Amino acid sequence: MFKRLQKKWNVNGYQLVLVLCTFALGGSLCGFFTREIITTLHIENDFLYGTLYFIILTLLWPLCVIGISIPLGQFTFFKNYLSKMAARLGMGRYEPEQTFPMSQTSDQLIHLGIFASGRGTNARKIMEHFQHHPRIKVNLLVSNKPGAGALHHAADFGVSTLIIDRDRFFGTDAYVPELQAAHIDYIILAGFLWKVPEALVAAYPQKIINIHPALLPKFGGKGMYGKHVHEAVIAAGENESGITIHFVDEQYDHGATIFQATCPVPENDSPDALAERIHALEHAHFAEVIEQTILQQHA
């Protein structure tokens, strides 16, 4: 249920707790004030009592929830939420506001550029995770494939996109001017199949983070991606595999390890079954590790 709510409201786990607390406290406060008001009116007719109770409760609930949302830091979320409800009732137009705290300017935010070549499920999880983050924002989705599914996910979140050309990426400035123009502070490789050129590594030292579907240093290097990795793990008779989140340097799958998580590789395992377990690890850990790593560097 909580995962469904996170997806529906596009919030991370921490903000979900605050949102639910706001609902609970606001509802309790609303019930208290409603009972106090009704009591002072000394209404004896049950029908009139129930009708007035419902009307007062309905009118007070938005005010109580908004009031509680301020100290809990969820004012913008609930203002958008109530505006959306009003729009559905034909009482106005819903225009969502920026969900970062009012004191946080765009220049103070840490901007991410996600590089993805395929379906983009990891990219989507990252965009979901940071959509309402107070300090980190996904500013750009970069792909080397015009038909990549990741581009559609970017559209869902209103994230700008950039299609890159191989010759320029490897031969000239590696699109560093475009990344700088988009104020990108960190590059996240989420299923990006091209090797990162030296020009880009030099422009973003210790600021490029990759996820690899195996436990490095095993099963890394050129050609080790996707199903090829899982086939190699099974062929080697490994009893466990996992993910490695690491910084990127000039070599394939070589930069310093940030985080690893493991999963079993049972006998007679298949590459597809192993891939599913690996994807589950990626979705569970990648965005959170990115967040922790960045915030540690900016502590």
Foldseek 3Di string as FASTA:
>chain_A
DLVVVLVVLLEAPVVSVLLVVLLVQLLVVLLVVLVVVLVVVPDDDPVVSVVSSVVSSVVSSLVSSCVSCVVSVQNLSSVLVVLVVCVVVVNDDRDRDQLADPVDDPVQAAEEEEEAEALCPLVLLLQSHCSNPNHYHYAEYEYQDPPHNNVVSCVVSVHHYYHDDPCCCAPPQVCPVVCVVSVHQAYEYDHHQDQHAQNVCVVHPQRYKYKAFWDPPPQWFPPRHQLNSLVVCVVVVHQKTWMWIAHDHNGTPDGDTQDIDMDTQDPPRHSVVSNVVRVVRSSVPVNVSVVVVVVVVVD
